[in-house]
Amino acid sequence: MLAFSCSSLRKSDSDSFEEEKRIPLNEEEGAYLNKVFESVREDFDFTNKRVGFIQSNGTKGKKHYLNDQKTYFEGENPCCVAQLFIFNAAQKEECGGYDAAIIYWSKFEIPIEDAVRRMKKY
């Protein structure tokens, strides 16, 4: 169980998706995601990284993902299933400078090539 609330993880100054996607994750967001993905992230640290968030239905954005997480932790929904994709240098360049992507609520395992393709449209 996480010891802090994710309700404060949203940036108050990033209401628009276009603005949100340009801003790297802050310390609190990074710490939260480091904990959520600690079993799969190896030595990747989310703090100050650019991460794309894409729901399997096409909905995009950090705010939407964190709201889903908050709802889960408040007991209103089942856990938000997510895949983490950490990009190498070539993949990062190909998808516009993003360090990683989180694709969530997908019923299927997604290959990293598809994650890169989706991030090009992000």
Foldseek 3Di string as FASTA:
>chain_A
DDPDALPPQDDPPPPDQVSQQVFQGAPVRQVVVCVVCVVPPVPDTRHRFREWEAEPVGDTDPVVVSVLCNCVVVPNDPDKAKDKAADDPVLCVLLPNGRIYIYTPDPDDDDVVVVSVSSVVD
